[in-house]
Amino acid sequence: MMPIIRKARADDLQKIQALYKKVARLSGGIARREQEITLPYIRHFMKKSKESGFNLVVDHPQNPRQIIGEIHCYTLEPSAFSHVLGELTIAVDPDFHGQGIGKNLFSTLFSHIQQHRPDIFRVELYTNEKNIKALALYERMGFVREGRLAGKIRVHNGNIEADIPMAWFNPNYTHPTAFSTHGK
Protein backbone atom coordinates (compact mmCIF):
# COMPACT_ATOMS: atom_id res chain seq x y z
CA MET A 1 0.00 0.00 0.00
CA MET A 2 1.35 3.42 -1.02
CA PRO A 3 1.79 5.84 1.88
CA ILE A 4 -0.46 8.91 1.86
CA ILE A 5 0.83 12.21 0.49
CA ARG A 6 -0.31 15.33 2.34
CA LYS A 7 0.49 19.03 2.60
CA ALA A 8 3.34 19.84 4.95
CA ARG A 9 2.45 21.43 8.30
CA ALA A 10 4.48 23.69 10.57
CA ASP A 11 5.03 20.80 12.99
CA ASP A 12 6.81 18.85 10.21
CA LEU A 13 9.83 21.17 10.38
CA GLN A 14 12.18 18.88 12.32
CA LYS A 15 10.96 15.74 10.54
CA ILE A 16 11.75 17.34 7.17
CA GLN A 17 15.15 18.41 8.47
CA ALA A 18 15.90 14.82 9.58
CA LEU A 19 14.92 13.50 6.13
CA TYR A 20 17.08 16.06 4.33
CA LYS A 21 20.06 15.35 6.57
CA LYS A 22 19.74 11.63 5.83
CA VAL A 23 19.47 12.22 2.08
CA ALA A 24 22.35 14.75 2.12
CA ARG A 25 24.69 12.06 3.48
CA LEU A 26 24.43 10.30 0.11
CA SER A 27 26.62 11.50 -2.71
CA GLY A 28 24.24 12.83 -5.35
CA GLY A 29 21.20 12.70 -3.04
CA ILE A 30 20.67 16.48 -2.98
CA ALA A 31 23.00 19.40 -3.65
CA ARG A 32 23.19 20.62 -0.04
CA ARG A 33 25.64 19.07 2.38
CA GLU A 34 24.41 17.73 5.71
CA GLN A 35 25.74 20.72 7.67
CA GLU A 36 23.77 23.06 5.36
CA ILE A 37 20.46 21.43 6.34
CA THR A 38 19.64 23.91 9.09
CA LEU A 39 16.28 24.74 10.64
CA PRO A 40 16.38 28.27 9.09
CA TYR A 41 16.90 26.69 5.65
CA ILE A 42 13.91 24.34 6.13
CA ARG A 43 11.79 27.16 7.60
CA HIS A 44 12.62 29.37 4.60
CA PHE A 45 11.48 26.95 1.91
CA MET A 46 8.44 25.89 3.93
CA LYS A 47 7.39 29.55 4.26
CA LYS A 48 7.99 30.35 0.57
CA SER A 49 6.19 27.16 -0.50
CA LYS A 50 3.19 27.95 1.71
CA GLU A 51 2.99 31.51 0.35
CA SER A 52 3.26 30.77 -3.36
CA GLY A 53 3.81 27.12 -4.11
CA PHE A 54 3.55 23.61 -2.77
CA ASN A 55 5.14 21.55 -0.02
CA LEU A 56 4.07 17.91 0.13
CA VAL A 57 5.25 15.13 2.43
CA VAL A 58 4.89 11.38 2.90
CA ASP A 59 4.75 10.02 6.44
CA HIS A 60 6.46 6.76 7.34
CA PRO A 61 3.78 4.04 7.16
CA GLN A 62 4.60 2.66 10.64
CA ASN A 63 6.23 5.65 12.35
CA PRO A 64 4.24 8.91 12.38
CA ARG A 65 7.29 10.72 13.80
CA GLN A 66 9.20 10.21 10.53
CA ILE A 67 8.74 11.65 7.04
CA ILE A 68 10.06 9.49 4.20
CA GLY A 69 9.43 11.83 1.28
CA GLU A 70 9.11 15.55 0.60
CA ILE A 71 8.80 17.82 -2.43
CA HIS A 72 8.56 21.59 -2.56
CA CYS A 73 8.65 24.46 -5.02
CA TYR A 74 7.48 28.06 -5.12
CA THR A 75 7.12 31.00 -7.46
CA LEU A 76 10.21 32.91 -8.36
CA GLU A 77 10.85 36.63 -8.08
CA PRO A 78 10.61 39.16 -9.73
CA SER A 79 7.01 39.11 -10.96
CA ALA A 80 8.21 38.49 -14.53
CA PHE A 81 8.64 34.89 -13.34
CA SER A 82 5.30 34.57 -11.52
CA HIS A 83 4.24 31.82 -13.97
CA VAL A 84 7.20 29.64 -12.88
CA LEU A 85 7.58 27.34 -9.90
CA GLY A 86 11.26 26.94 -9.10
CA GLU A 87 13.63 25.90 -6.37
CA LEU A 88 12.10 22.43 -6.70
CA THR A 89 13.67 19.89 -4.42
CA ILE A 90 12.56 16.33 -3.85
CA ALA A 91 13.93 14.08 -1.13
CA VAL A 92 13.08 10.42 -0.57
CA ASP A 93 14.47 8.41 2.33
CA PRO A 94 17.10 6.04 0.86
CA ASP A 95 15.46 3.12 2.71
CA PHE A 96 12.36 3.70 0.54
CA HIS A 97 13.97 4.21 -2.89
CA GLY A 98 12.41 2.23 -5.72
CA GLN A 99 8.95 2.11 -4.12
CA GLY A 100 7.31 4.79 -6.27
CA ILE A 101 7.37 7.53 -3.63
CA GLY A 102 9.17 10.06 -5.84
CA LYS A 103 6.88 9.29 -8.77
CA ASN A 104 3.81 9.72 -6.58
CA LEU A 105 5.09 12.98 -5.09
CA PHE A 106 5.57 14.37 -8.61
CA SER A 107 2.17 13.09 -9.79
CA THR A 108 0.45 14.68 -6.80
CA LEU A 109 2.34 17.95 -7.29
CA PHE A 110 1.39 18.10 -10.98
CA SER A 111 -2.24 17.29 -10.16
CA HIS A 112 -2.36 20.11 -7.59
CA ILE A 113 -0.82 22.54 -10.10
CA GLN A 114 -3.27 21.57 -12.83
CA GLN A 115 -6.28 21.79 -10.52
CA HIS A 116 -5.38 24.80 -8.38
CA ARG A 117 -2.74 26.84 -10.20
CA PRO A 118 -3.64 27.31 -13.88
CA ASP A 119 -1.46 30.45 -13.70
CA ILE A 120 1.66 28.28 -13.51
CA PHE A 121 3.14 27.49 -16.91
CA ARG A 122 6.37 25.76 -15.96
CA VAL A 123 8.08 23.94 -13.10
CA GLU A 124 11.87 24.01 -13.05
CA LEU A 125 14.50 21.82 -11.48
CA TYR A 126 18.21 21.14 -11.83
CA THR A 127 20.04 17.87 -11.40
CA ASN A 128 23.60 16.66 -11.67
CA GLU A 129 24.27 15.09 -15.06
CA LYS A 130 25.70 11.99 -13.38
CA ASN A 131 22.52 11.37 -11.36
CA ILE A 132 21.22 8.97 -14.01
CA LYS A 133 18.38 7.57 -11.89
CA ALA A 134 17.04 11.06 -11.12
CA LEU A 135 17.32 12.14 -14.77
CA ALA A 136 15.40 9.05 -15.87
CA LEU A 137 12.66 9.64 -13.27
CA TYR A 138 12.30 13.32 -14.20
CA GLU A 139 12.05 12.49 -17.90
CA ARG A 140 9.45 9.77 -17.19
CA MET A 141 7.48 12.39 -15.25
CA GLY A 142 7.43 14.71 -18.28
CA PHE A 143 10.37 17.01 -17.60
CA VAL A 144 12.44 18.01 -20.63
CA ARG A 145 16.13 18.80 -20.64
CA GLU A 146 16.80 22.41 -21.49
CA GLY A 147 20.56 22.37 -21.73
CA ARG A 148 23.72 21.62 -19.84
CA LEU A 149 25.36 24.02 -17.40
CA ALA A 150 29.01 22.98 -17.51
CA GLY A 151 30.93 23.29 -14.26
CA LYS A 152 27.97 24.59 -12.24
CA ILE A 153 27.93 22.16 -9.33
CA ARG A 154 30.65 21.08 -6.93
CA VAL A 155 29.72 17.57 -5.83
CA HIS A 156 30.43 15.94 -2.47
CA ASN A 157 33.87 14.62 -3.53
CA GLY A 158 34.97 18.11 -4.65
CA ASN A 159 34.71 17.52 -8.39
CA ILE A 160 33.01 20.15 -10.50
CA GLU A 161 30.32 18.75 -12.78
CA ALA A 162 27.51 19.88 -15.04
CA ASP A 163 23.98 20.61 -13.88
CA ILE A 164 21.06 19.81 -16.17
CA PRO A 165 18.20 22.34 -16.20
CA MET A 166 14.83 20.69 -16.77
CA ALA A 167 11.25 21.90 -17.02
CA TRP A 168 7.75 20.45 -16.88
CA PHE A 169 4.97 22.40 -18.65
CA ASN A 170 1.45 22.63 -17.28
CA PRO A 171 -1.03 21.43 -19.93
CA ASN A 172 -3.81 23.38 -18.12
CA TYR A 173 -1.98 26.70 -18.18
CA THR A 174 -4.33 29.64 -18.56
CA HIS A 175 -2.59 32.67 -20.05
CA PRO A 176 -3.66 35.79 -18.17
CA THR A 177 -5.15 38.66 -20.12
CA ALA A 178 -2.42 40.86 -21.52
CA PHE A 179 -4.17 44.03 -20.39
CA SER A 180 -7.05 44.94 -18.15
CA THR A 181 -10.24 46.59 -19.31
CA HIS A 182 -11.31 47.15 -15.71
CA GLY A 183 -13.43 50.28 -15.38
CA LYS A 184 -14.34 50.61 -19.06
C-alpha atoms as a PDB file:
ATOM      1  CA  MET A   1       0.000   0.000   0.000  1.00  0.00           C
ATOM      2  CA  MET A   2       1.348   3.423  -1.021  1.00  0.00           C
ATOM      3  CA  PRO A   3       1.792   5.844   1.880  1.00  0.00           C
ATOM      4  CA  ILE A   4      -0.464   8.914   1.860  1.00  0.00           C
ATOM      5  CA  ILE A   5       0.827  12.208   0.493  1.00  0.00           C
ATOM      6  CA  ARG A   6      -0.307  15.327   2.338  1.00  0.00           C
ATOM      7  CA  LYS A   7       0.493  19.026   2.598  1.00  0.00           C
ATOM      8  CA  ALA A   8       3.339  19.838   4.954  1.00  0.00           C
ATOM      9  CA  ARG A   9       2.446  21.429   8.301  1.00  0.00           C
ATOM     10  CA  ALA A  10       4.478  23.695  10.572  1.00  0.00           C
ATOM     11  CA  ASP A  11       5.033  20.804  12.987  1.00  0.00           C
ATOM     12  CA  ASP A  12       6.809  18.854  10.206  1.00  0.00           C
ATOM     13  CA  LEU A  13       9.833  21.174  10.385  1.00  0.00           C
ATOM     14  CA  GLN A  14      12.179  18.876  12.320  1.00  0.00           C
ATOM     15  CA  LYS A  15      10.961  15.735  10.543  1.00  0.00           C
ATOM     16  CA  ILE A  16      11.751  17.336   7.169  1.00  0.00           C
ATOM     17  CA  GLN A  17      15.149  18.406   8.472  1.00  0.00           C
ATOM     18  CA  ALA A  18      15.895  14.823   9.576  1.00  0.00           C
ATOM     19  CA  LEU A  19      14.920  13.500   6.127  1.00  0.00           C
ATOM     20  CA  TYR A  20      17.076  16.065   4.330  1.00  0.00           C
ATOM     21  CA  LYS A  21      20.064  15.352   6.566  1.00  0.00           C
ATOM     22  CA  LYS A  22      19.743  11.628   5.830  1.00  0.00           C
ATOM     23  CA  VAL A  23      19.468  12.224   2.077  1.00  0.00           C
ATOM     24  CA  ALA A  24      22.346  14.751   2.124  1.00  0.00           C
ATOM     25  CA  ARG A  25      24.689  12.058   3.483  1.00  0.00           C
ATOM     26  CA  LEU A  26      24.429  10.305   0.113  1.00  0.00           C
ATOM     27  CA  SER A  27      26.625  11.499  -2.713  1.00  0.00           C
ATOM     28  CA  GLY A  28      24.236  12.826  -5.350  1.00  0.00           C
ATOM     29  CA  GLY A  29      21.202  12.703  -3.044  1.00  0.00           C
ATOM     30  CA  ILE A  30      20.667  16.479  -2.984  1.00  0.00           C
ATOM     31  CA  ALA A  31      23.000  19.399  -3.649  1.00  0.00           C
ATOM     32  CA  ARG A  32      23.194  20.616  -0.044  1.00  0.00           C
ATOM     33  CA  ARG A  33      25.639  19.075   2.381  1.00  0.00           C
ATOM     34  CA  GLU A  34      24.408  17.727   5.712  1.00  0.00           C
ATOM     35  CA  GLN A  35      25.742  20.719   7.671  1.00  0.00           C
ATOM     36  CA  GLU A  36      23.772  23.057   5.362  1.00  0.00           C
ATOM     37  CA  ILE A  37      20.462  21.428   6.336  1.00  0.00           C
ATOM     38  CA  THR A  38      19.635  23.909   9.092  1.00  0.00           C
ATOM     39  CA  LEU A  39      16.281  24.744  10.637  1.00  0.00           C
ATOM     40  CA  PRO A  40      16.383  28.271   9.095  1.00  0.00           C
ATOM     41  CA  TYR A  41      16.902  26.687   5.651  1.00  0.00           C
ATOM     42  CA  ILE A  42      13.912  24.342   6.129  1.00  0.00           C
ATOM     43  CA  ARG A  43      11.789  27.161   7.600  1.00  0.00           C
ATOM     44  CA  HIS A  44      12.617  29.375   4.604  1.00  0.00           C
ATOM     45  CA  PHE A  45      11.485  26.953   1.908  1.00  0.00           C
ATOM     46  CA  MET A  46       8.440  25.893   3.925  1.00  0.00           C
ATOM     47  CA  LYS A  47       7.388  29.553   4.262  1.00  0.00           C
ATOM     48  CA  LYS A  48       7.985  30.346   0.568  1.00  0.00           C
ATOM     49  CA  SER A  49       6.190  27.161  -0.503  1.00  0.00           C
ATOM     50  CA  LYS A  50       3.187  27.952   1.710  1.00  0.00           C
ATOM     51  CA  GLU A  51       2.991  31.506   0.352  1.00  0.00           C
ATOM     52  CA  SER A  52       3.260  30.773  -3.356  1.00  0.00           C
ATOM     53  CA  GLY A  53       3.806  27.118  -4.111  1.00  0.00           C
ATOM     54  CA  PHE A  54       3.549  23.607  -2.775  1.00  0.00           C
ATOM     55  CA  ASN A  55       5.137  21.551  -0.024  1.00  0.00           C
ATOM     56  CA  LEU A  56       4.068  17.906   0.126  1.00  0.00           C
ATOM     57  CA  VAL A  57       5.252  15.128   2.432  1.00  0.00           C
ATOM     58  CA  VAL A  58       4.888  11.383   2.899  1.00  0.00           C
ATOM     59  CA  ASP A  59       4.746  10.019   6.442  1.00  0.00           C
ATOM     60  CA  HIS A  60       6.464   6.760   7.336  1.00  0.00           C
ATOM     61  CA  PRO A  61       3.776   4.037   7.155  1.00  0.00           C
ATOM     62  CA  GLN A  62       4.595   2.665  10.643  1.00  0.00           C
ATOM     63  CA  ASN A  63       6.233   5.648  12.350  1.00  0.00           C
ATOM     64  CA  PRO A  64       4.244   8.911  12.384  1.00  0.00           C
ATOM     65  CA  ARG A  65       7.290  10.722  13.799  1.00  0.00           C
ATOM     66  CA  GLN A  66       9.201  10.207  10.531  1.00  0.00           C
ATOM     67  CA  ILE A  67       8.740  11.654   7.038  1.00  0.00           C
ATOM     68  CA  ILE A  68      10.059   9.488   4.203  1.00  0.00           C
ATOM     69  CA  GLY A  69       9.434  11.830   1.278  1.00  0.00           C
ATOM     70  CA  GLU A  70       9.110  15.550   0.598  1.00  0.00           C
ATOM     71  CA  ILE A  71       8.799  17.824  -2.432  1.00  0.00           C
ATOM     72  CA  HIS A  72       8.560  21.590  -2.565  1.00  0.00           C
ATOM     73  CA  CYS A  73       8.654  24.464  -5.021  1.00  0.00           C
ATOM     74  CA  TYR A  74       7.475  28.056  -5.118  1.00  0.00           C
ATOM     75  CA  THR A  75       7.124  30.999  -7.463  1.00  0.00           C
ATOM     76  CA  LEU A  76      10.214  32.909  -8.358  1.00  0.00           C
ATOM     77  CA  GLU A  77      10.853  36.632  -8.082  1.00  0.00           C
ATOM     78  CA  PRO A  78      10.607  39.156  -9.729  1.00  0.00           C
ATOM     79  CA  SER A  79       7.013  39.115 -10.958  1.00  0.00           C
ATOM     80  CA  ALA A  80       8.212  38.492 -14.527  1.00  0.00           C
ATOM     81  CA  PHE A  81       8.644  34.890 -13.337  1.00  0.00           C
ATOM     82  CA  SER A  82       5.303  34.567 -11.520  1.00  0.00           C
ATOM     83  CA  HIS A  83       4.244  31.819 -13.967  1.00  0.00           C
ATOM     84  CA  VAL A  84       7.201  29.640 -12.878  1.00  0.00           C
ATOM     85  CA  LEU A  85       7.584  27.336  -9.898  1.00  0.00           C
ATOM     86  CA  GLY A  86      11.259  26.940  -9.104  1.00  0.00           C
ATOM     87  CA  GLU A  87      13.632  25.903  -6.365  1.00  0.00           C
ATOM     88  CA  LEU A  88      12.100  22.435  -6.704  1.00  0.00           C
ATOM     89  CA  THR A  89      13.669  19.887  -4.422  1.00  0.00           C
ATOM     90  CA  ILE A  90      12.558  16.331  -3.849  1.00  0.00           C
ATOM     91  CA  ALA A  91      13.934  14.078  -1.127  1.00  0.00           C
ATOM     92  CA  VAL A  92      13.079  10.421  -0.567  1.00  0.00           C
ATOM     93  CA  ASP A  93      14.470   8.407   2.326  1.00  0.00           C
ATOM     94  CA  PRO A  94      17.103   6.040   0.862  1.00  0.00           C
ATOM     95  CA  ASP A  95      15.464   3.122   2.706  1.00  0.00           C
ATOM     96  CA  PHE A  96      12.365   3.699   0.537  1.00  0.00           C
ATOM     97  CA  HIS A  97      13.967   4.214  -2.886  1.00  0.00           C
ATOM     98  CA  GLY A  98      12.412   2.230  -5.716  1.00  0.00           C
ATOM     99  CA  GLN A  99       8.954   2.111  -4.121  1.00  0.00           C
ATOM    100  CA  GLY A 100       7.306   4.788  -6.268  1.00  0.00           C
ATOM    101  CA  ILE A 101       7.375   7.526  -3.631  1.00  0.00           C
ATOM    102  CA  GLY A 102       9.172  10.059  -5.843  1.00  0.00           C
ATOM    103  CA  LYS A 103       6.881   9.292  -8.769  1.00  0.00           C
ATOM    104  CA  ASN A 104       3.810   9.715  -6.582  1.00  0.00           C
ATOM    105  CA  LEU A 105       5.088  12.978  -5.095  1.00  0.00           C
ATOM    106  CA  PHE A 106       5.567  14.371  -8.612  1.00  0.00           C
ATOM    107  CA  SER A 107       2.173  13.090  -9.790  1.00  0.00           C
ATOM    108  CA  THR A 108       0.446  14.681  -6.799  1.00  0.00           C
ATOM    109  CA  LEU A 109       2.336  17.953  -7.289  1.00  0.00           C
ATOM    110  CA  PHE A 110       1.386  18.101 -10.976  1.00  0.00           C
ATOM    111  CA  SER A 111      -2.238  17.293 -10.158  1.00  0.00           C
ATOM    112  CA  HIS A 112      -2.359  20.114  -7.586  1.00  0.00           C
ATOM    113  CA  ILE A 113      -0.822  22.542 -10.097  1.00  0.00           C
ATOM    114  CA  GLN A 114      -3.271  21.568 -12.828  1.00  0.00           C
ATOM    115  CA  GLN A 115      -6.283  21.788 -10.522  1.00  0.00           C
ATOM    116  CA  HIS A 116      -5.382  24.800  -8.381  1.00  0.00           C
ATOM    117  CA  ARG A 117      -2.739  26.838 -10.200  1.00  0.00           C
ATOM    118  CA  PRO A 118      -3.637  27.306 -13.879  1.00  0.00           C
ATOM    119  CA  ASP A 119      -1.465  30.455 -13.702  1.00  0.00           C
ATOM    120  CA  ILE A 120       1.663  28.275 -13.507  1.00  0.00           C
ATOM    121  CA  PHE A 121       3.139  27.485 -16.908  1.00  0.00           C
ATOM    122  CA  ARG A 122       6.374  25.759 -15.957  1.00  0.00           C
ATOM    123  CA  VAL A 123       8.077  23.936 -13.098  1.00  0.00           C
ATOM    124  CA  GLU A 124      11.869  24.008 -13.045  1.00  0.00           C
ATOM    125  CA  LEU A 125      14.505  21.822 -11.477  1.00  0.00           C
ATOM    126  CA  TYR A 126      18.210  21.145 -11.828  1.00  0.00           C
ATOM    127  CA  THR A 127      20.036  17.868 -11.404  1.00  0.00           C
ATOM    128  CA  ASN A 128      23.598  16.655 -11.673  1.00  0.00           C
ATOM    129  CA  GLU A 129      24.271  15.093 -15.063  1.00  0.00           C
ATOM    130  CA  LYS A 130      25.697  11.995 -13.380  1.00  0.00           C
ATOM    131  CA  ASN A 131      22.521  11.372 -11.364  1.00  0.00           C
ATOM    132  CA  ILE A 132      21.225   8.970 -14.008  1.00  0.00           C
ATOM    133  CA  LYS A 133      18.380   7.574 -11.887  1.00  0.00           C
ATOM    134  CA  ALA A 134      17.037  11.058 -11.124  1.00  0.00           C
ATOM    135  CA  LEU A 135      17.319  12.143 -14.773  1.00  0.00           C
ATOM    136  CA  ALA A 136      15.397   9.052 -15.874  1.00  0.00           C
ATOM    137  CA  LEU A 137      12.658   9.645 -13.269  1.00  0.00           C
ATOM    138  CA  TYR A 138      12.301  13.316 -14.200  1.00  0.00           C
ATOM    139  CA  GLU A 139      12.046  12.488 -17.897  1.00  0.00           C
ATOM    140  CA  ARG A 140       9.447   9.769 -17.195  1.00  0.00           C
ATOM    141  CA  MET A 141       7.480  12.388 -15.250  1.00  0.00           C
ATOM    142  CA  GLY A 142       7.430  14.710 -18.284  1.00  0.00           C
ATOM    143  CA  PHE A 143      10.373  17.012 -17.601  1.00  0.00           C
ATOM    144  CA  VAL A 144      12.436  18.012 -20.634  1.00  0.00           C
ATOM    145  CA  ARG A 145      16.129  18.800 -20.639  1.00  0.00           C
ATOM    146  CA  GLU A 146      16.800  22.407 -21.495  1.00  0.00           C
ATOM    147  CA  GLY A 147      20.561  22.365 -21.732  1.00  0.00           C
ATOM    148  CA  ARG A 148      23.717  21.615 -19.838  1.00  0.00           C
ATOM    149  CA  LEU A 149      25.360  24.019 -17.401  1.00  0.00           C
ATOM    150  CA  ALA A 150      29.013  22.982 -17.507  1.00  0.00           C
ATOM    151  CA  GLY A 151      30.932  23.295 -14.256  1.00  0.00           C
ATOM    152  CA  LYS A 152      27.969  24.591 -12.244  1.00  0.00           C
ATOM    153  CA  ILE A 153      27.929  22.158  -9.329  1.00  0.00           C
ATOM    154  CA  ARG A 154      30.653  21.081  -6.928  1.00  0.00           C
ATOM    155  CA  VAL A 155      29.721  17.567  -5.828  1.00  0.00           C
ATOM    156  CA  HIS A 156      30.434  15.944  -2.475  1.00  0.00           C
ATOM    157  CA  ASN A 157      33.867  14.618  -3.526  1.00  0.00           C
ATOM    158  CA  GLY A 158      34.967  18.107  -4.646  1.00  0.00           C
ATOM    159  CA  ASN A 159      34.707  17.517  -8.394  1.00  0.00           C
ATOM    160  CA  ILE A 160      33.007  20.151 -10.499  1.00  0.00           C
ATOM    161  CA  GLU A 161      30.320  18.749 -12.784  1.00  0.00           C
ATOM    162  CA  ALA A 162      27.508  19.882 -15.036  1.00  0.00           C
ATOM    163  CA  ASP A 163      23.976  20.612 -13.885  1.00  0.00           C
ATOM    164  CA  ILE A 164      21.060  19.805 -16.170  1.00  0.00           C
ATOM    165  CA  PRO A 165      18.196  22.344 -16.196  1.00  0.00           C
ATOM    166  CA  MET A 166      14.826  20.688 -16.771  1.00  0.00           C
ATOM    167  CA  ALA A 167      11.246  21.902 -17.020  1.00  0.00           C
ATOM    168  CA  TRP A 168       7.745  20.451 -16.885  1.00  0.00           C
ATOM    169  CA  PHE A 169       4.972  22.403 -18.649  1.00  0.00           C
ATOM    170  CA  ASN A 170       1.447  22.634 -17.280  1.00  0.00           C
ATOM    171  CA  PRO A 171      -1.026  21.434 -19.934  1.00  0.00           C
ATOM    172  CA  ASN A 172      -3.807  23.377 -18.125  1.00  0.00           C
ATOM    173  CA  TYR A 173      -1.977  26.703 -18.179  1.00  0.00           C
ATOM    174  CA  THR A 174      -4.331  29.643 -18.565  1.00  0.00           C
ATOM    175  CA  HIS A 175      -2.586  32.666 -20.052  1.00  0.00           C
ATOM    176  CA  PRO A 176      -3.655  35.791 -18.167  1.00  0.00           C
ATOM    177  CA  THR A 177      -5.152  38.663 -20.115  1.00  0.00           C
ATOM    178  CA  ALA A 178      -2.415  40.863 -21.521  1.00  0.00           C
ATOM    179  CA  PHE A 179      -4.166  44.032 -20.394  1.00  0.00           C
ATOM    180  CA  SER A 180      -7.049  44.936 -18.148  1.00  0.00           C
ATOM    181  CA  THR A 181     -10.240  46.594 -19.311  1.00  0.00           C
ATOM    182  CA  HIS A 182     -11.314  47.151 -15.708  1.00  0.00           C
ATOM    183  CA  GLY A 183     -13.429  50.281 -15.381  1.00  0.00           C
ATOM    184  CA  LYS A 184     -14.337  50.610 -19.061  1.00  0.00           C
END
